[in-house]
């Protein structure tokens, strides 16, 4: 299993100061009323053990449902690595007239975990391995409460990364899904292993080339916001690496075009 490098004290200060100096973009996640919310942010300053961030407004500004003492998870990319940490909201700053984003003050994290970026590159499921995904509705952005016809759906895992996956479902299921929808999902990486339980958001929907299936592109959410979530993230990194190695072995055993 791929284990992240854990940064503490001075290393945390150095990486957060570097991120703010470069006005690095990141993602902040928090849980509200039983639903995960993801917000794009910019690192704007780091001083006196506090991290200052500003939300990136998309279109018309909308209220950010987040409170003082609210636990949050933050992730950002820098160089060849992804960094994640858990923090808490300690304050707000007044918005300028020309800014559509919210200015939030976060407590400096006790530690930051550094993951290799390659774990976030998607790998195809190895040939001969059929991985089923079971998933179910977790609600919609527009507060739709329509009850699905079944308790859950199932599909086939096409590829996987530490940040998301693609799932193929029967094209007839198209009316049941839409972009922005939250789902809970479960899959078993290898037949002899325990299933992995995750929460995700559907980011795109498109028919497959043969138009027999629907491809759901989903983003995993909430993993950086808790100890349990980060343990799952470590496990996902290990699964991605294992699938990559299996694919490499398959490629080595296949005859080249000159040998066919």
C-alpha atoms as a PDB file:
ATOM      1  CA  UNK A   1       0.000   0.000   0.000  1.00  0.00           C
ATOM      2  CA  UNK A   2       1.306   3.470  -0.876  1.00  0.00           C
ATOM      3  CA  UNK A   3       1.821   5.500   2.263  1.00  0.00           C
ATOM      4  CA  UNK A   4       1.909   9.311   2.119  1.00  0.00           C
ATOM      5  CA  UNK A   5       4.760  11.352   3.511  1.00  0.00           C
ATOM      6  CA  UNK A   6       3.547  13.163   6.626  1.00  0.00           C
ATOM      7  CA  UNK A   7       4.764  16.758   6.984  1.00  0.00           C
ATOM      8  CA  UNK A   8       4.765  18.416  10.414  1.00  0.00           C
ATOM      9  CA  UNK A   9       5.717  21.718  12.106  1.00  0.00           C
ATOM     10  CA  UNK A  10       8.313  23.573  10.025  1.00  0.00           C
ATOM     11  CA  UNK A  11       7.621  21.472   6.918  1.00  0.00           C
ATOM     12  CA  UNK A  12       3.929  22.423   7.117  1.00  0.00           C
ATOM     13  CA  UNK A  13       4.829  26.094   7.391  1.00  0.00           C
ATOM     14  CA  UNK A  14       7.177  25.885   4.415  1.00  0.00           C
ATOM     15  CA  UNK A  15       4.738  24.155   2.074  1.00  0.00           C
ATOM     16  CA  UNK A  16       1.814  26.461   2.978  1.00  0.00           C
ATOM     17  CA  UNK A  17       3.951  29.591   2.609  1.00  0.00           C
ATOM     18  CA  UNK A  18       5.094  28.366  -0.803  1.00  0.00           C
ATOM     19  CA  UNK A  19       1.489  27.662  -1.826  1.00  0.00           C
ATOM     20  CA  UNK A  20       0.334  31.150  -0.832  1.00  0.00           C
ATOM     21  CA  UNK A  21       3.326  32.807  -2.506  1.00  0.00           C
ATOM     22  CA  UNK A  22       2.243  31.148  -5.764  1.00  0.00           C
ATOM     23  CA  UNK A  23      -1.474  31.838  -5.171  1.00  0.00           C
ATOM     24  CA  UNK A  24      -2.079  28.111  -5.499  1.00  0.00           C
ATOM     25  CA  UNK A  25      -5.598  26.866  -6.197  1.00  0.00           C
ATOM     26  CA  UNK A  26      -7.104  24.084  -4.123  1.00  0.00           C
ATOM     27  CA  UNK A  27     -10.351  22.441  -3.085  1.00  0.00           C
ATOM     28  CA  UNK A  28     -12.007  22.748   0.321  1.00  0.00           C
ATOM     29  CA  UNK A  29     -14.624  20.204   1.383  1.00  0.00           C
ATOM     30  CA  UNK A  30     -16.992  20.268   4.328  1.00  0.00           C
ATOM     31  CA  UNK A  31     -20.014  18.356   5.556  1.00  0.00           C
ATOM     32  CA  UNK A  32     -23.319  20.203   6.054  1.00  0.00           C
ATOM     33  CA  UNK A  33     -26.704  18.615   6.804  1.00  0.00           C
ATOM     34  CA  UNK A  34     -25.384  15.192   5.898  1.00  0.00           C
ATOM     35  CA  UNK A  35     -24.080  16.264   2.468  1.00  0.00           C
ATOM     36  CA  UNK A  36     -20.534  16.930   1.300  1.00  0.00           C
ATOM     37  CA  UNK A  37     -19.787  20.281  -0.330  1.00  0.00           C
ATOM     38  CA  UNK A  38     -16.701  21.047  -2.441  1.00  0.00           C
ATOM     39  CA  UNK A  39     -15.502  24.604  -3.000  1.00  0.00           C
ATOM     40  CA  UNK A  40     -12.605  25.816  -5.144  1.00  0.00           C
ATOM     41  CA  UNK A  41     -10.274  28.163  -3.270  1.00  0.00           C
ATOM     42  CA  UNK A  42      -7.116  30.242  -3.673  1.00  0.00           C
ATOM     43  CA  UNK A  43      -4.389  30.351  -1.030  1.00  0.00           C
ATOM     44  CA  UNK A  44      -3.864  34.066  -0.375  1.00  0.00           C
ATOM     45  CA  UNK A  45      -1.764  34.344   2.803  1.00  0.00           C
ATOM     46  CA  UNK A  46      -0.212  32.422   5.665  1.00  0.00           C
ATOM     47  CA  UNK A  47       0.798  34.152   8.885  1.00  0.00           C
ATOM     48  CA  UNK A  48       0.600  33.682  12.641  1.00  0.00           C
ATOM     49  CA  UNK A  49      -0.305  30.008  12.190  1.00  0.00           C
ATOM     50  CA  UNK A  50      -3.366  30.889  10.124  1.00  0.00           C
ATOM     51  CA  UNK A  51      -4.089  30.133   6.471  1.00  0.00           C
ATOM     52  CA  UNK A  52      -6.085  32.704   4.504  1.00  0.00           C
ATOM     53  CA  UNK A  53      -8.077  31.447   1.519  1.00  0.00           C
ATOM     54  CA  UNK A  54     -10.614  32.937  -0.867  1.00  0.00           C
ATOM     55  CA  UNK A  55     -13.352  30.978  -2.592  1.00  0.00           C
ATOM     56  CA  UNK A  56     -13.378  31.118  -6.374  1.00  0.00           C
ATOM     57  CA  UNK A  57     -16.804  32.373  -7.417  1.00  0.00           C
ATOM     58  CA  UNK A  58     -18.346  30.748 -10.475  1.00  0.00           C
ATOM     59  CA  UNK A  59     -20.966  32.975 -12.075  1.00  0.00           C
ATOM     60  CA  UNK A  60     -23.476  34.480  -9.665  1.00  0.00           C
ATOM     61  CA  UNK A  61     -22.164  34.532  -6.067  1.00  0.00           C
ATOM     62  CA  UNK A  62     -24.061  32.322  -3.629  1.00  0.00           C
ATOM     63  CA  UNK A  63     -23.901  32.023   0.162  1.00  0.00           C
ATOM     64  CA  UNK A  64     -21.303  29.603   1.474  1.00  0.00           C
ATOM     65  CA  UNK A  65     -22.935  27.400   4.083  1.00  0.00           C
ATOM     66  CA  UNK A  66     -19.987  27.201   6.448  1.00  0.00           C
ATOM     67  CA  UNK A  67     -19.622  28.231  10.078  1.00  0.00           C
ATOM     68  CA  UNK A  68     -16.926  29.170  12.582  1.00  0.00           C
ATOM     69  CA  UNK A  69     -15.373  26.004  14.077  1.00  0.00           C
ATOM     70  CA  UNK A  70     -16.529  24.079  10.979  1.00  0.00           C
ATOM     71  CA  UNK A  71     -14.103  21.199  10.229  1.00  0.00           C
ATOM     72  CA  UNK A  72     -12.892  21.240   6.629  1.00  0.00           C
ATOM     73  CA  UNK A  73     -10.625  19.204   4.419  1.00  0.00           C
ATOM     74  CA  UNK A  74      -8.272  20.909   1.954  1.00  0.00           C
ATOM     75  CA  UNK A  75      -6.374  19.495  -1.016  1.00  0.00           C
ATOM     76  CA  UNK A  76      -4.043  21.118  -3.529  1.00  0.00           C
ATOM     77  CA  UNK A  77      -1.445  20.204  -6.122  1.00  0.00           C
ATOM     78  CA  UNK A  78       2.130  21.387  -6.238  1.00  0.00           C
ATOM     79  CA  UNK A  79       4.853  19.957  -8.422  1.00  0.00           C
ATOM     80  CA  UNK A  80       4.607  16.190  -8.657  1.00  0.00           C
ATOM     81  CA  UNK A  81       2.567  15.818  -5.491  1.00  0.00           C
ATOM     82  CA  UNK A  82      -0.905  16.250  -4.045  1.00  0.00           C
ATOM     83  CA  UNK A  83      -1.187  17.666  -0.537  1.00  0.00           C
ATOM     84  CA  UNK A  84      -4.143  17.188   1.802  1.00  0.00           C
ATOM     85  CA  UNK A  85      -4.898  18.250   5.345  1.00  0.00           C
ATOM     86  CA  UNK A  86      -7.685  18.728   7.855  1.00  0.00           C
ATOM     87  CA  UNK A  87      -8.350  22.124   9.429  1.00  0.00           C
ATOM     88  CA  UNK A  88     -11.086  24.231  11.035  1.00  0.00           C
ATOM     89  CA  UNK A  89     -12.624  27.607  10.171  1.00  0.00           C
ATOM     90  CA  UNK A  90     -11.519  30.261  12.676  1.00  0.00           C
ATOM     91  CA  UNK A  91     -12.748  33.450  11.016  1.00  0.00           C
ATOM     92  CA  UNK A  92     -13.810  35.466   7.995  1.00  0.00           C
ATOM     93  CA  UNK A  93     -12.531  38.627   6.321  1.00  0.00           C
ATOM     94  CA  UNK A  94     -14.756  41.296   4.739  1.00  0.00           C
ATOM     95  CA  UNK A  95     -15.137  40.931   0.973  1.00  0.00           C
ATOM     96  CA  UNK A  96     -13.977  43.659  -1.369  1.00  0.00           C
ATOM     97  CA  UNK A  97     -16.524  45.169  -3.705  1.00  0.00           C
ATOM     98  CA  UNK A  98     -14.911  43.617  -6.791  1.00  0.00           C
ATOM     99  CA  UNK A  99     -14.612  40.144  -5.276  1.00  0.00           C
ATOM    100  CA  UNK A 100     -17.321  37.533  -5.655  1.00  0.00           C
ATOM    101  CA  UNK A 101     -15.612  35.045  -3.365  1.00  0.00           C
ATOM    102  CA  UNK A 102     -15.690  34.571   0.388  1.00  0.00           C
ATOM    103  CA  UNK A 103     -12.501  35.177   2.397  1.00  0.00           C
ATOM    104  CA  UNK A 104     -11.997  32.506   5.034  1.00  0.00           C
ATOM    105  CA  UNK A 105      -9.376  32.051   7.749  1.00  0.00           C
ATOM    106  CA  UNK A 106      -8.328  28.483   8.581  1.00  0.00           C
ATOM    107  CA  UNK A 107      -6.232  27.247  11.475  1.00  0.00           C
ATOM    108  CA  UNK A 108      -2.812  25.987  10.481  1.00  0.00           C
ATOM    109  CA  UNK A 109      -3.007  22.183  10.303  1.00  0.00           C
ATOM    110  CA  UNK A 110      -1.006  20.022  12.675  1.00  0.00           C
ATOM    111  CA  UNK A 111       0.168  17.972   9.712  1.00  0.00           C
ATOM    112  CA  UNK A 112      -0.053  17.805   5.931  1.00  0.00           C
ATOM    113  CA  UNK A 113       0.013  14.534   4.003  1.00  0.00           C
ATOM    114  CA  UNK A 114       1.868  14.431   0.688  1.00  0.00           C
ATOM    115  CA  UNK A 115       0.777  11.932  -1.967  1.00  0.00           C
ATOM    116  CA  UNK A 116       2.459  11.200  -5.271  1.00  0.00           C
ATOM    117  CA  UNK A 117       0.562  12.676  -8.204  1.00  0.00           C
ATOM    118  CA  UNK A 118       0.741   9.426 -10.155  1.00  0.00           C
ATOM    119  CA  UNK A 119      -1.888   7.959  -7.810  1.00  0.00           C
ATOM    120  CA  UNK A 120      -4.303  10.572  -9.206  1.00  0.00           C
ATOM    121  CA  UNK A 121      -3.763   9.480 -12.816  1.00  0.00           C
ATOM    122  CA  UNK A 122      -6.467   7.090 -13.929  1.00  0.00           C
ATOM    123  CA  UNK A 123      -5.571   3.488 -14.656  1.00  0.00           C
ATOM    124  CA  UNK A 124      -7.724   1.090 -16.637  1.00  0.00           C
ATOM    125  CA  UNK A 125      -9.096  -1.978 -14.902  1.00  0.00           C
ATOM    126  CA  UNK A 126      -6.800  -4.876 -15.921  1.00  0.00           C
ATOM    127  CA  UNK A 127      -8.021  -7.225 -18.644  1.00  0.00           C
ATOM    128  CA  UNK A 128      -9.771 -10.265 -17.225  1.00  0.00           C
ATOM    129  CA  UNK A 129     -10.741  -8.486 -14.013  1.00  0.00           C
ATOM    130  CA  UNK A 130     -14.403  -7.526 -13.816  1.00  0.00           C
ATOM    131  CA  UNK A 131     -15.084  -5.139 -10.944  1.00  0.00           C
ATOM    132  CA  UNK A 132     -18.706  -4.415 -10.116  1.00  0.00           C
ATOM    133  CA  UNK A 133     -19.723  -1.139  -8.513  1.00  0.00           C
ATOM    134  CA  UNK A 134     -22.870  -0.861  -6.425  1.00  0.00           C
ATOM    135  CA  UNK A 135     -24.158   2.664  -5.894  1.00  0.00           C
ATOM    136  CA  UNK A 136     -27.187   4.564  -4.696  1.00  0.00           C
ATOM    137  CA  UNK A 137     -28.582   8.087  -4.609  1.00  0.00           C
ATOM    138  CA  UNK A 138     -27.407  10.525  -1.954  1.00  0.00           C
ATOM    139  CA  UNK A 139     -29.509  13.502  -3.140  1.00  0.00           C
ATOM    140  CA  UNK A 140     -29.125  16.331  -5.652  1.00  0.00           C
ATOM    141  CA  UNK A 141     -27.754  19.876  -5.686  1.00  0.00           C
ATOM    142  CA  UNK A 142     -31.251  21.196  -6.382  1.00  0.00           C
ATOM    143  CA  UNK A 143     -32.683  19.371  -3.328  1.00  0.00           C
ATOM    144  CA  UNK A 144     -34.649  16.911  -5.492  1.00  0.00           C
ATOM    145  CA  UNK A 145     -36.041  14.137  -3.279  1.00  0.00           C
ATOM    146  CA  UNK A 146     -37.378  11.760  -5.922  1.00  0.00           C
ATOM    147  CA  UNK A 147     -37.128   8.192  -4.667  1.00  0.00           C
ATOM    148  CA  UNK A 148     -35.295   5.836  -7.101  1.00  0.00           C
ATOM    149  CA  UNK A 149     -37.154   2.834  -8.450  1.00  0.00           C
ATOM    150  CA  UNK A 150     -34.629   0.494  -6.858  1.00  0.00           C
ATOM    151  CA  UNK A 151     -32.586   0.653  -3.689  1.00  0.00           C
ATOM    152  CA  UNK A 152     -29.339   0.611  -5.637  1.00  0.00           C
ATOM    153  CA  UNK A 153     -27.820   0.300  -9.099  1.00  0.00           C
ATOM    154  CA  UNK A 154     -24.823  -1.633 -10.286  1.00  0.00           C
ATOM    155  CA  UNK A 155     -22.288  -0.996 -12.994  1.00  0.00           C
ATOM    156  CA  UNK A 156     -18.821  -1.997 -14.142  1.00  0.00           C
ATOM    157  CA  UNK A 157     -15.687  -0.138 -13.130  1.00  0.00           C
ATOM    158  CA  UNK A 158     -13.788   1.114 -16.200  1.00  0.00           C
ATOM    159  CA  UNK A 159     -10.907   2.997 -14.608  1.00  0.00           C
ATOM    160  CA  UNK A 160      -9.812   4.314 -11.229  1.00  0.00           C
ATOM    161  CA  UNK A 161      -7.675   6.999  -9.612  1.00  0.00           C
ATOM    162  CA  UNK A 162      -7.287   8.298  -6.078  1.00  0.00           C
ATOM    163  CA  UNK A 163      -9.614  11.142  -7.060  1.00  0.00           C
ATOM    164  CA  UNK A 164     -12.343   9.462  -9.087  1.00  0.00           C
ATOM    165  CA  UNK A 165     -13.487   6.710 -11.411  1.00  0.00           C
ATOM    166  CA  UNK A 166     -15.559   5.915 -14.460  1.00  0.00           C
ATOM    167  CA  UNK A 167     -18.459   3.472 -14.245  1.00  0.00           C
ATOM    168  CA  UNK A 168     -20.381   1.872 -17.118  1.00  0.00           C
ATOM    169  CA  UNK A 169     -24.117   1.260 -16.605  1.00  0.00           C
ATOM    170  CA  UNK A 170     -26.875   0.117 -18.931  1.00  0.00           C
ATOM    171  CA  UNK A 171     -27.923   2.937 -21.272  1.00  0.00           C
ATOM    172  CA  UNK A 172     -31.540   2.404 -20.170  1.00  0.00           C
ATOM    173  CA  UNK A 173     -30.588   3.816 -16.757  1.00  0.00           C
ATOM    174  CA  UNK A 174     -29.889   7.270 -18.199  1.00  0.00           C
ATOM    175  CA  UNK A 175     -33.060   8.907 -16.741  1.00  0.00           C
ATOM    176  CA  UNK A 176     -31.871   8.046 -13.218  1.00  0.00           C
ATOM    177  CA  UNK A 177     -28.711  10.171 -13.311  1.00  0.00           C
ATOM    178  CA  UNK A 178     -27.622  13.747 -13.873  1.00  0.00           C
ATOM    179  CA  UNK A 179     -24.509  15.872 -13.449  1.00  0.00           C
ATOM    180  CA  UNK A 180     -24.008  17.135  -9.902  1.00  0.00           C
ATOM    181  CA  UNK A 181     -25.808  14.220  -8.290  1.00  0.00           C
ATOM    182  CA  UNK A 182     -24.286  12.738  -5.126  1.00  0.00           C
ATOM    183  CA  UNK A 183     -23.987   8.981  -4.783  1.00  0.00           C
ATOM    184  CA  UNK A 184     -22.702   6.457  -2.298  1.00  0.00           C
ATOM    185  CA  UNK A 185     -20.767   3.593  -3.880  1.00  0.00           C
ATOM    186  CA  UNK A 186     -19.045   0.352  -3.053  1.00  0.00           C
ATOM    187  CA  UNK A 187     -16.642  -1.824  -4.998  1.00  0.00           C
ATOM    188  CA  UNK A 188     -14.368  -4.778  -4.266  1.00  0.00           C
ATOM    189  CA  UNK A 189     -10.889  -4.210  -5.786  1.00  0.00           C
ATOM    190  CA  UNK A 190      -9.997  -7.911  -5.950  1.00  0.00           C
ATOM    191  CA  UNK A 191     -12.313 -10.905  -5.428  1.00  0.00           C
ATOM    192  CA  UNK A 192     -10.581 -11.919  -2.187  1.00  0.00           C
ATOM    193  CA  UNK A 193     -10.604  -8.430  -0.601  1.00  0.00           C
ATOM    194  CA  UNK A 194     -13.107  -6.492   1.490  1.00  0.00           C
ATOM    195  CA  UNK A 195     -15.274  -3.905  -0.305  1.00  0.00           C
ATOM    196  CA  UNK A 196     -14.411  -0.201  -0.234  1.00  0.00           C
ATOM    197  CA  UNK A 197     -17.230   2.208   0.656  1.00  0.00           C
ATOM    198  CA  UNK A 198     -17.025   5.780  -0.717  1.00  0.00           C
ATOM    199  CA  UNK A 199     -19.033   8.912  -1.446  1.00  0.00           C
ATOM    200  CA  UNK A 200     -18.862  10.666  -4.800  1.00  0.00           C
ATOM    201  CA  UNK A 201     -20.397  13.233  -7.121  1.00  0.00           C
ATOM    202  CA  UNK A 202     -21.254  12.626 -10.776  1.00  0.00           C
ATOM    203  CA  UNK A 203     -19.216  15.087 -12.869  1.00  0.00           C
ATOM    204  CA  UNK A 204     -20.054  13.981 -16.406  1.00  0.00           C
ATOM    205  CA  UNK A 205     -22.335  11.566 -18.225  1.00  0.00           C
ATOM    206  CA  UNK A 206     -21.850  10.288 -21.773  1.00  0.00           C
ATOM    207  CA  UNK A 207     -22.787   7.213 -23.833  1.00  0.00           C
ATOM    208  CA  UNK A 208     -20.026   4.742 -24.662  1.00  0.00           C
ATOM    209  CA  UNK A 209     -18.843   4.435 -28.275  1.00  0.00           C
ATOM    210  CA  UNK A 210     -21.193   1.508 -28.971  1.00  0.00           C
ATOM    211  CA  UNK A 211     -24.081   3.398 -27.294  1.00  0.00           C
ATOM    212  CA  UNK A 212     -24.988   0.270 -25.311  1.00  0.00           C
ATOM    213  CA  UNK A 213     -23.785   1.693 -22.007  1.00  0.00           C
ATOM    214  CA  UNK A 214     -23.681   4.974 -20.170  1.00  0.00           C
ATOM    215  CA  UNK A 215     -20.357   6.162 -18.764  1.00  0.00           C
ATOM    216  CA  UNK A 216     -20.565   7.988 -15.428  1.00  0.00           C
ATOM    217  CA  UNK A 217     -17.492  10.007 -14.489  1.00  0.00           C
ATOM    218  CA  UNK A 218     -17.509  10.502 -10.724  1.00  0.00           C
ATOM    219  CA  UNK A 219     -15.314  12.493  -8.346  1.00  0.00           C
ATOM    220  CA  UNK A 220     -14.641  11.078  -4.891  1.00  0.00           C
ATOM    221  CA  UNK A 221     -15.421  13.531  -2.093  1.00  0.00           C
ATOM    222  CA  UNK A 222     -14.751  13.971   1.604  1.00  0.00           C
ATOM    223  CA  UNK A 223     -11.619  11.806   1.812  1.00  0.00           C
ATOM    224  CA  UNK A 224      -9.344  14.596   2.998  1.00  0.00           C
ATOM    225  CA  UNK A 225     -11.682  15.772   5.760  1.00  0.00           C
ATOM    226  CA  UNK A 226     -11.254  12.953   8.303  1.00  0.00           C
ATOM    227  CA  UNK A 227      -8.801  10.361   9.533  1.00  0.00           C
ATOM    228  CA  UNK A 228     -11.024   7.559   8.210  1.00  0.00           C
ATOM    229  CA  UNK A 229     -11.240   9.271   4.819  1.00  0.00           C
ATOM    230  CA  UNK A 230      -7.468   9.630   4.559  1.00  0.00           C
ATOM    231  CA  UNK A 231      -7.062   5.948   5.435  1.00  0.00           C
ATOM    232  CA  UNK A 232      -9.380   5.141   2.522  1.00  0.00           C
ATOM    233  CA  UNK A 233      -7.347   7.457   0.302  1.00  0.00           C
ATOM    234  CA  UNK A 234      -4.173   5.548   1.192  1.00  0.00           C
ATOM    235  CA  UNK A 235      -5.937   2.311   0.325  1.00  0.00           C
ATOM    236  CA  UNK A 236      -7.102   3.745  -3.014  1.00  0.00           C
ATOM    237  CA  UNK A 237      -3.538   4.781  -3.848  1.00  0.00           C
ATOM    238  CA  UNK A 238      -2.458   1.196  -3.213  1.00  0.00           C
ATOM    239  CA  UNK A 239      -5.237  -0.161  -5.436  1.00  0.00           C
ATOM    240  CA  UNK A 240      -4.304   2.230  -8.260  1.00  0.00           C
ATOM    241  CA  UNK A 241      -0.659   1.157  -8.032  1.00  0.00           C
ATOM    242  CA  UNK A 242      -1.624  -2.522  -8.041  1.00  0.00           C
ATOM    243  CA  UNK A 243      -3.852  -2.112 -11.121  1.00  0.00           C
ATOM    244  CA  UNK A 244      -1.016  -0.235 -12.833  1.00  0.00           C
ATOM    245  CA  UNK A 245       1.440  -3.054 -12.105  1.00  0.00           C
ATOM    246  CA  UNK A 246      -1.048  -5.659 -13.347  1.00  0.00           C
ATOM    247  CA  UNK A 247      -1.490  -3.713 -16.589  1.00  0.00           C
ATOM    248  CA  UNK A 248       2.290  -3.510 -16.992  1.00  0.00           C
ATOM    249  CA  UNK A 249       2.590  -7.285 -16.566  1.00  0.00           C
ATOM    250  CA  UNK A 250      -0.168  -7.896 -19.118  1.00  0.00           C
ATOM    251  CA  UNK A 251       1.558  -5.635 -21.649  1.00  0.00           C
ATOM    252  CA  UNK A 252       4.862  -7.471 -21.196  1.00  0.00           C
ATOM    253  CA  UNK A 253       3.254 -10.870 -21.821  1.00  0.00           C
ATOM    254  CA  UNK A 254       1.377  -9.773 -24.937  1.00  0.00           C
ATOM    255  CA  UNK A 255       3.207 -10.311 -28.244  1.00  0.00           C
ATOM    256  CA  UNK A 256       4.356  -7.167 -30.011  1.00  0.00           C
ATOM    257  CA  UNK A 257       2.953  -6.256 -33.431  1.00  0.00           C
ATOM    258  CA  UNK A 258       6.176  -7.498 -35.088  1.00  0.00           C
ATOM    259  CA  UNK A 259       5.688 -10.946 -33.529  1.00  0.00           C
ATOM    260  CA  UNK A 260       2.097 -11.368 -34.668  1.00  0.00           C
END
